[in-house]
Protein backbone atom coordinates (compact mmCIF):
# COMPACT_ATOMS: atom_id res chain seq x y z
CA MET A 1 30.98 -22.87 114.59
CA PRO A 2 29.55 -26.22 115.61
CA ASP A 3 31.06 -29.16 113.50
CA THR A 4 28.59 -31.91 113.54
CA PRO A 5 27.39 -35.05 110.80
CA PHE A 6 23.78 -34.08 112.14
CA ALA A 7 24.72 -31.16 110.03
CA PRO A 8 25.56 -32.18 106.91
CA LEU A 9 26.36 -29.38 104.01
CA LEU A 10 23.89 -28.77 101.81
CA LEU A 11 24.57 -30.21 98.12
CA GLY A 12 22.99 -30.50 95.08
CA ASN A 13 23.13 -33.99 93.80
CA ARG A 14 20.33 -35.78 95.55
CA PRO A 15 17.43 -35.36 92.76
CA GLY A 16 13.84 -34.11 94.25
CA SER A 17 15.73 -31.65 96.25
CA PHE A 18 15.41 -28.30 96.42
CA PRO A 19 19.14 -27.41 95.33
CA HIS A 20 19.41 -30.00 93.07
CA SER A 21 16.19 -28.26 91.87
CA VAL A 22 18.08 -24.85 91.55
CA LEU A 23 21.16 -26.04 89.84
CA ALA A 24 19.16 -28.43 87.07
CA GLU A 25 16.14 -26.33 86.64
CA ARG A 26 16.15 -22.22 87.91
CA HIS A 27 19.97 -22.04 86.50
CA PRO A 28 19.08 -22.78 83.03
CA ALA A 29 15.72 -20.46 83.33
CA ILE A 30 18.02 -18.07 84.15
CA ILE A 31 20.40 -18.29 81.06
CA GLN A 32 17.54 -18.20 78.93
CA GLN A 33 16.03 -15.23 80.81
CA VAL A 34 19.04 -13.29 80.44
CA ARG A 35 19.24 -14.02 76.55
CA GLU A 36 16.00 -12.87 76.14
CA ALA A 37 16.49 -9.50 78.24
CA PHE A 38 19.41 -8.02 75.62
CA PRO A 39 20.41 -8.09 72.31
CA TYR A 40 23.68 -10.11 72.93
CA GLY A 41 25.99 -10.47 70.15
CA PRO A 42 26.96 -14.54 68.52
CA ALA A 43 30.19 -14.55 70.87
CA GLN A 44 27.41 -14.34 74.14
CA HIS A 45 25.22 -16.62 72.78
CA ARG A 46 27.73 -19.08 72.30
CA ALA A 47 28.91 -18.51 75.55
CA LEU A 48 25.57 -18.63 76.98
CA ASP A 49 25.14 -22.10 75.43
CA GLU A 50 28.26 -23.47 76.36
CA LEU A 51 27.44 -22.49 80.15
CA LEU A 52 23.82 -24.05 79.48
CA ALA A 53 25.51 -27.27 79.23
CA ASN A 54 27.87 -26.89 81.55
CA CYS A 55 26.53 -26.25 84.67
CA THR A 56 24.18 -29.00 83.42
CA GLU A 57 26.07 -31.71 82.10
CA GLY A 58 29.92 -30.92 83.00
CA VAL A 59 32.51 -30.16 85.22
CA ILE A 60 33.85 -27.12 87.39
CA GLU A 61 36.53 -25.56 85.06
CA PRO A 62 39.70 -22.94 86.06
CA LEU A 63 38.80 -19.33 85.19
CA PRO A 64 40.92 -17.78 82.54
CA ALA A 65 44.56 -17.69 82.76
CA ASP A 66 43.84 -13.48 82.82
CA ALA A 67 40.54 -13.22 85.23
CA HIS A 68 40.92 -10.34 87.23
CA ASP A 69 39.21 -12.56 90.40
CA ARG A 70 41.33 -15.73 89.61
CA ASN A 71 43.37 -15.91 92.92
CA HIS A 72 40.02 -15.01 95.10
CA TRP A 73 38.55 -17.78 93.62
CA GLU A 74 41.20 -19.99 93.84
CA THR A 75 41.38 -18.89 97.38
CA TRP A 76 37.92 -19.79 97.84
CA GLY A 77 37.88 -23.36 96.57
CA LEU A 78 38.16 -23.39 92.72
CA ARG A 79 41.52 -25.46 93.00
CA GLU A 80 39.76 -27.84 94.45
CA TYR A 81 36.22 -28.41 93.00
CA THR A 82 37.99 -28.04 89.37
CA GLY A 83 37.12 -31.14 87.56
CA ARG A 84 34.16 -32.38 89.89
CA SER A 85 30.23 -32.38 89.05
CA TRP A 86 28.39 -28.75 89.86
CA PHE A 87 26.31 -31.11 91.98
CA ASP A 88 28.77 -32.64 94.11
CA VAL A 89 30.76 -29.43 95.71
CA PRO A 90 28.52 -27.50 98.24
CA TRP A 91 25.75 -26.03 96.83
CA LEU A 92 26.07 -22.82 98.29
CA TRP A 93 29.71 -22.54 96.13
CA SER A 94 27.60 -24.00 93.04
CA GLU A 95 25.37 -21.47 93.06
CA SER A 96 27.69 -18.53 93.13
CA TRP A 97 30.09 -19.95 90.85
CA PHE A 98 27.31 -20.15 88.51
CA TYR A 99 26.63 -16.18 88.57
CA ARG A 100 30.27 -16.05 87.95
CA ARG A 101 30.55 -17.50 84.99
CA LEU A 102 27.03 -15.94 83.68
CA LEU A 103 28.84 -12.58 83.97
CA GLN A 104 31.89 -13.88 82.13
CA ALA A 105 29.74 -15.46 79.37
CA VAL A 106 27.88 -12.13 78.65
CA GLY A 107 31.40 -9.85 78.49
CA TYR A 108 30.42 -8.35 81.98
CA PHE A 109 34.53 -8.48 83.13
CA GLY A 110 35.95 -8.46 79.44
CA GLN A 111 37.16 -5.59 77.58
CA GLY A 112 34.18 -4.82 75.06
CA PRO A 113 30.97 -2.99 74.90
CA TRP A 114 29.30 -5.66 77.58
CA GLN A 115 31.33 -5.09 79.70
CA GLY A 116 29.88 -3.68 83.30
CA ILE A 117 25.76 -4.10 82.11
CA ASP A 118 24.28 -5.92 84.73
CA PRO A 119 22.32 -8.12 82.70
CA PHE A 120 19.94 -8.34 85.52
CA ARG A 121 19.00 -4.58 85.22
CA PRO A 122 15.78 -4.78 83.05
CA PHE A 123 14.34 -7.34 86.16
CA LYS A 124 15.62 -5.36 88.95
CA LEU A 125 14.21 -1.69 87.02
CA ALA A 126 10.73 -3.31 86.37
CA GLU A 127 9.74 -3.97 89.68
CA LEU A 128 11.31 -1.00 91.17
CA ASP A 129 8.77 0.74 88.86
CA SER A 130 6.05 -0.94 89.10
CA ALA A 131 2.71 0.06 90.75
CA GLU A 132 2.90 -2.11 93.36
CA THR A 133 6.23 0.18 94.31
CA ASP A 134 3.57 3.26 94.07
CA GLN A 135 1.22 1.75 96.50
CA GLU A 136 3.94 0.68 99.14
CA LEU A 137 5.57 4.19 98.94
CA ALA A 138 2.04 5.74 99.12
CA ALA A 139 1.86 3.90 102.26
CA LEU A 140 4.69 6.15 104.11
CA ASP A 141 2.29 8.79 104.07
CA ASP A 142 0.30 7.41 106.52
CA LEU A 143 3.01 6.21 108.62
CA ALA A 144 4.36 9.56 108.78
CA ASP A 145 1.29 10.66 111.76
CA ARG A 146 2.13 7.60 113.84
CA PRO A 147 4.17 7.46 117.22
CA ALA A 148 8.09 6.93 116.95
CA ALA A 149 7.85 3.46 117.87
CA GLU A 150 5.33 2.52 115.67
CA GLN A 151 6.82 3.62 113.29
CA ALA A 152 10.21 2.06 114.21
CA GLN A 153 8.42 -1.34 114.00
CA ALA A 154 6.50 -1.14 110.64
CA LEU A 155 9.73 -0.50 108.58
CA LEU A 156 11.60 -3.54 110.80
CA HIS A 157 8.48 -5.42 109.29
CA GLY A 158 8.61 -3.80 105.97
CA SER A 159 12.56 -5.09 105.77
CA LEU A 160 11.78 -7.98 106.97
CA TRP A 161 8.92 -8.92 104.34
CA GLY A 162 11.17 -7.26 101.29
CA ASN A 163 8.48 -7.08 98.68
CA ARG A 164 5.74 -7.73 100.63
CA ALA A 165 6.51 -4.25 101.97
CA ASP A 166 3.31 -3.13 102.05
CA LEU A 167 2.00 -5.26 104.71
CA GLY A 168 5.09 -4.47 107.10
CA PHE A 169 4.41 -0.54 105.89
CA ARG A 170 0.83 -1.30 107.69
CA LEU A 171 1.59 -2.78 111.01
CA SER A 172 1.66 -1.42 114.00
CA ALA A 173 3.62 -1.65 116.88
CA GLU A 174 0.93 -3.37 119.31
CA GLY A 175 -0.51 -5.37 115.90
CA ALA A 176 3.34 -6.68 115.33
CA ARG A 177 3.07 -8.40 118.21
CA ALA A 178 -0.46 -10.30 117.79
CA ALA A 179 -0.11 -13.50 116.37
CA ASP A 180 -2.08 -12.61 113.31
CA ALA A 181 -0.58 -9.65 112.16
CA ALA A 182 2.60 -10.70 111.01
CA PRO A 183 1.65 -13.92 109.37
CA GLY A 184 4.32 -17.02 109.23
CA LEU A 185 7.00 -14.77 111.60
CA VAL A 186 8.71 -17.86 112.98
CA ALA A 187 10.58 -16.25 115.31
CA ASP A 188 10.88 -12.82 116.47
CA ASP A 189 13.63 -11.38 118.56
CA SER A 190 12.65 -7.78 117.74
CA ASP A 191 12.63 -6.55 121.20
CA ARG A 192 16.50 -7.50 121.72
CA LEU A 193 17.31 -5.60 118.57
CA TRP A 194 15.56 -2.43 119.86
CA SER A 195 17.56 -2.97 123.39
CA LEU A 196 20.85 -3.19 121.44
CA LEU A 197 20.43 -0.38 119.61
CA ASP A 198 18.99 1.80 122.38
CA SER A 199 22.00 0.96 124.99
CA ALA A 200 24.21 1.63 122.35
CA ASP A 201 23.83 6.19 122.75
CA GLY A 202 24.06 6.15 119.07
CA GLY A 203 26.89 4.54 117.32
CA THR A 204 27.07 2.23 114.19
CA LEU A 205 24.72 0.06 112.78
CA CYS A 206 26.00 -2.10 109.24
CA LEU A 207 23.47 -3.85 107.25
CA VAL A 208 24.31 -6.55 104.53
CA ALA A 209 21.99 -5.68 102.12
CA ASP A 210 20.42 -8.79 99.98
CA ASN A 211 18.08 -7.91 96.48
CA ALA A 212 17.52 -4.66 94.70
CA GLY A 213 14.30 -3.11 93.99
CA ARG A 214 11.45 -3.01 96.28
CA GLU A 215 13.41 -5.45 98.58
CA LEU A 216 16.32 -2.84 98.90
CA VAL A 217 13.92 0.46 99.40
CA PRO A 218 12.56 -1.02 102.86
CA ASP A 219 15.92 -1.37 104.25
CA LEU A 220 16.95 1.88 102.94
CA LEU A 221 13.63 3.61 104.85
CA LEU A 222 14.67 1.71 107.77
CA VAL A 223 18.30 3.13 107.73
CA ALA A 224 17.02 6.45 107.03
CA HIS A 225 14.12 6.12 110.85
CA LEU A 226 17.20 5.15 112.55
CA LEU A 227 19.53 8.36 111.80
CA GLY A 228 16.97 10.43 111.82
CA THR A 229 15.60 9.47 115.49
CA GLY A 230 19.05 9.34 116.41
CA ARG A 231 18.72 5.64 117.18
CA ILE A 232 22.19 5.21 115.18
CA GLU A 233 25.19 8.48 114.37
CA GLN A 234 26.21 6.41 111.43
CA ALA A 235 25.30 3.52 108.85
CA VAL A 236 27.53 1.31 107.00
CA LEU A 237 25.36 -0.17 103.72
CA HIS A 238 27.21 -3.39 102.31
CA VAL A 239 26.55 -4.69 99.08
CA LYS A 240 28.08 -6.24 96.23
CA PRO A 241 30.68 -5.32 93.97
CA TYR A 242 28.85 -6.83 91.18
CA PRO A 243 25.73 -8.46 90.06
CA TYR A 244 24.95 -11.53 91.77
CA TYR A 245 22.34 -14.04 92.69
CA VAL A 246 19.88 -12.44 90.42
CA SER A 247 18.81 -9.56 92.24
CA ASP A 248 21.19 -8.74 94.61
CA ALA A 249 21.82 -4.95 95.19
CA THR A 250 24.93 -3.23 94.10
CA THR A 251 26.01 0.67 94.28
CA ALA A 252 24.05 1.16 90.85
CA ASP A 253 20.97 0.00 92.70
CA VAL A 254 21.33 1.99 95.48
CA VAL A 255 21.45 4.94 93.35
CA ASP A 256 18.39 3.81 91.22
CA ALA A 257 16.58 3.12 94.95
CA LEU A 258 17.53 6.27 95.67
CA ARG A 259 16.37 8.12 92.56
CA ARG A 260 13.23 6.20 92.47
CA LEU A 261 12.47 7.61 96.38
CA THR A 262 13.29 11.06 95.91
CA GLY A 263 11.31 11.31 93.13
CA ALA A 264 8.21 9.60 94.47
CA GLY A 265 6.78 12.42 96.51
CA GLY A 266 5.20 12.75 100.04
CA ALA A 267 7.31 11.30 102.71
CA ALA A 268 9.04 8.61 100.82
CA SER A 269 10.73 11.99 98.88
CA ALA A 270 11.61 13.02 102.13
CA TYR A 271 13.52 9.82 103.07
CA GLY A 272 15.12 9.74 100.02
CA ARG A 273 16.67 13.69 100.31
CA GLN A 274 17.74 12.83 103.74
CA LEU A 275 19.84 9.59 102.50
CA TRP A 276 20.87 11.54 99.82
CA SER A 277 22.12 13.89 102.39
CA ALA A 278 23.55 11.18 104.75
CA LEU A 279 25.34 9.65 102.14
CA ALA A 280 26.67 13.34 100.54
CA ASP A 281 27.98 13.98 104.59
CA GLY A 282 29.48 10.25 105.48
CA ARG A 283 26.72 9.29 108.47
CA LEU A 284 25.97 7.23 105.77
CA THR A 285 28.56 4.63 103.33
CA LEU A 286 28.45 2.37 101.06
CA ARG A 287 31.31 -1.02 100.94
CA ALA A 288 31.16 -3.66 98.09
CA HIS A 289 33.91 -5.79 99.88
CA PRO A 290 35.03 -8.58 97.68
CA PHE A 291 33.93 -11.26 100.23
CA SER A 292 30.64 -10.25 99.88
CA SER A 293 29.84 -12.03 96.60
CA ALA A 294 32.64 -15.32 98.07
CA PRO A 295 30.72 -18.35 98.00
CA LEU A 296 31.78 -19.08 101.73
CA PRO A 297 30.24 -18.74 104.78
CA TYR A 298 30.90 -15.72 107.23
CA GLU A 299 32.86 -17.71 109.44
CA GLU A 300 35.68 -17.30 107.04
CA THR A 301 35.21 -13.68 106.59
CA PRO A 302 38.40 -11.89 106.36
CA GLY A 303 40.21 -9.80 109.22
CA ASP A 304 39.66 -6.46 107.71
CA LEU A 305 35.78 -7.41 107.19
CA CYS A 306 35.83 -8.58 110.73
CA ALA A 307 37.11 -5.56 111.91
CA GLU A 308 34.00 -3.48 110.58
CA PHE A 309 31.54 -6.07 112.13
CA ALA A 310 33.38 -6.24 115.25
CA SER A 311 33.16 -2.13 115.71
CA ALA A 312 29.46 -1.80 114.98
CA THR A 313 27.06 -1.83 117.43
CA LEU A 314 24.73 -3.97 115.43
CA THR A 315 24.75 -5.94 112.38
CA ILE A 316 21.65 -6.83 110.80
CA VAL A 317 22.25 -9.44 107.68
CA LYS A 318 19.06 -9.42 105.36
CA GLY A 319 17.83 -12.24 103.30
CA ASP A 320 18.18 -15.82 102.36
CA LEU A 321 21.49 -15.78 101.02
CA ASN A 322 23.12 -14.26 104.12
CA TYR A 323 21.46 -16.47 106.37
CA ARG A 324 22.67 -19.21 105.00
CA ARG A 325 26.43 -17.59 105.03
CA LEU A 326 25.57 -16.36 108.47
CA VAL A 327 24.63 -19.81 110.22
CA GLY A 328 26.78 -22.02 107.72
CA ASP A 329 25.08 -23.73 104.81
CA ARG A 330 23.90 -27.07 106.32
CA LEU A 331 20.60 -28.65 107.20
CA TRP A 332 20.83 -27.96 111.01
CA ALA A 333 18.25 -29.43 112.99
CA PRO A 334 15.29 -26.33 113.26
CA THR A 335 15.74 -26.20 117.13
CA THR A 336 19.64 -25.83 117.25
CA PRO A 337 19.92 -22.41 118.87
CA PHE A 338 20.98 -19.31 116.53
CA PRO A 339 23.64 -18.20 119.11
CA ASP A 340 25.41 -21.22 118.82
CA VAL A 341 26.21 -21.15 114.98
CA THR A 342 26.78 -17.47 115.22
CA ALA A 343 28.71 -17.52 118.26
CA TYR A 344 32.41 -16.75 115.89
CA PHE A 345 30.49 -13.78 114.77
CA PRO A 346 32.58 -10.92 115.82
CA GLY A 347 29.76 -8.52 117.22
CA PRO A 348 26.38 -8.33 117.78
CA VAL A 349 24.40 -9.19 114.99
CA ALA A 350 20.79 -9.61 113.97
CA ALA A 351 19.43 -11.87 110.91
CA LEU A 352 15.99 -10.83 108.83
CA ARG A 353 15.34 -13.25 106.61
CA THR A 354 12.07 -14.12 104.37
CA LEU A 355 12.61 -18.40 104.26
CA LYS A 356 13.24 -19.17 100.89
CA SER A 357 15.91 -22.24 101.13
CA ASP A 358 16.16 -25.36 103.44
CA VAL A 359 18.46 -23.98 106.43
CA ILE A 360 17.03 -23.02 109.44
CA THR A 361 17.67 -22.47 112.77
CA GLY A 362 16.41 -21.13 116.26
CA LEU A 363 12.73 -22.83 116.19
CA GLU A 364 10.93 -23.45 119.05
CA ALA A 365 10.54 -27.25 118.89
CA HIS A 366 6.42 -26.47 118.72
CA THR A 367 6.79 -23.96 116.40
CA GLU A 368 8.78 -26.62 114.26
CA ALA A 369 5.81 -29.24 115.08
CA ALA A 370 3.00 -26.69 114.10
CA LEU A 371 4.71 -25.79 110.73
CA VAL A 372 5.63 -29.31 109.61
CA ALA A 373 1.86 -30.20 110.35
CA ALA A 374 0.93 -27.87 108.35
CA GLU A 375 3.21 -27.76 105.39
CA ASP A 376 5.06 -30.71 105.24
CA GLN A 377 8.53 -29.14 104.77
CA ARG A 378 6.98 -26.69 102.12
CA TRP A 379 7.15 -23.98 104.80
CA ARG A 380 11.71 -24.02 104.58
CA THR A 381 10.78 -22.53 100.91
CA SER A 382 8.10 -21.10 100.35
CA GLY A 383 8.62 -17.67 101.35
CA THR A 384 5.37 -17.22 103.11
CA HIS A 385 7.43 -17.51 106.60
CA ALA A 386 10.26 -15.52 108.20
CA LEU A 387 12.33 -14.24 111.22
CA ILE A 388 14.04 -12.07 113.27
CA GLN A 389 16.48 -13.36 115.06
CA VAL A 390 19.67 -11.72 117.15
CA ARG A 391 22.21 -12.60 119.15
CA ASP A 392 23.92 -9.72 121.42
CA ALA A 393 26.73 -11.26 123.22
CA ARG A 394 29.97 -10.14 122.59
């Protein structure tokens, strides 16, 4: 990955910046939401209070000596960052550390009744069970009679936009190329994505999932379509080994999403049964590698995971956090070529991402200029713009 002083690592120590607002405002709000979502006892309440004080005013502290993942975190930078302010270490690292410490505070990893209880589960289920999800799944019935190419493009855009999936399901193949059909699509390499899949004559797709709930469902629908049409023979869905970043998908979230699909009726139910069967016979497999929750860029992917990505026909990296890890959590010039910053990746890779942080690469100069003219720099973090970027050279 290019190492340049003109693309500094993002830190959270500049008041008024987006990273600073996450550390100073979003994280305290998340602590309060988690506190209210469960009837935690005094021990958890004390630990959450201590975390609130530590993450806003304190310094990074070591993990307990008996922590199951202490060696991982020390390898990932904990030794280096211990004693430093949360705001003065790389933002990607600090954010990840927050969620690790939050799980510790609520007893997720320890012995006791709260072990393994996802503190974000109520929020995930509320979204999955919403009326909006019903509407999005019902739209699949209309899509079922459309030509295969139109279905594929609609499902790709459903996966791209996540919880704006109802828009994605209604996109036609022709409309997706029109300027007004996918508003806010700032880069579109979808033709190259389809070309890679079509030229492979089957093969394996790795999909690195992002969020659970209404954002995981369209990812699963895309996988089902690719398997059902023979574009891929196998799919590997990479999820998080434990709850992470509020809504990131775990194995339990995949099961919840499949149950939601199979119970929905109509085309959604058929997709759900197809995916259930694919898991049972091995055409679809789940991975929960420890590195999936590491506070590091994918440039530091360990060898076993590199080998999986290298053997895939295509790896699709979903969402904003995974994009930051893919290109490096740096303030790149937006016109920095996407293939340059992903040249290290061991195989063909595609990014599907709604923009929710400052990091961006691969834009045309005129696109950046138009975005800045219309919105100043708000377009980077508003979630109203998205991209499909592909690097296909091995």
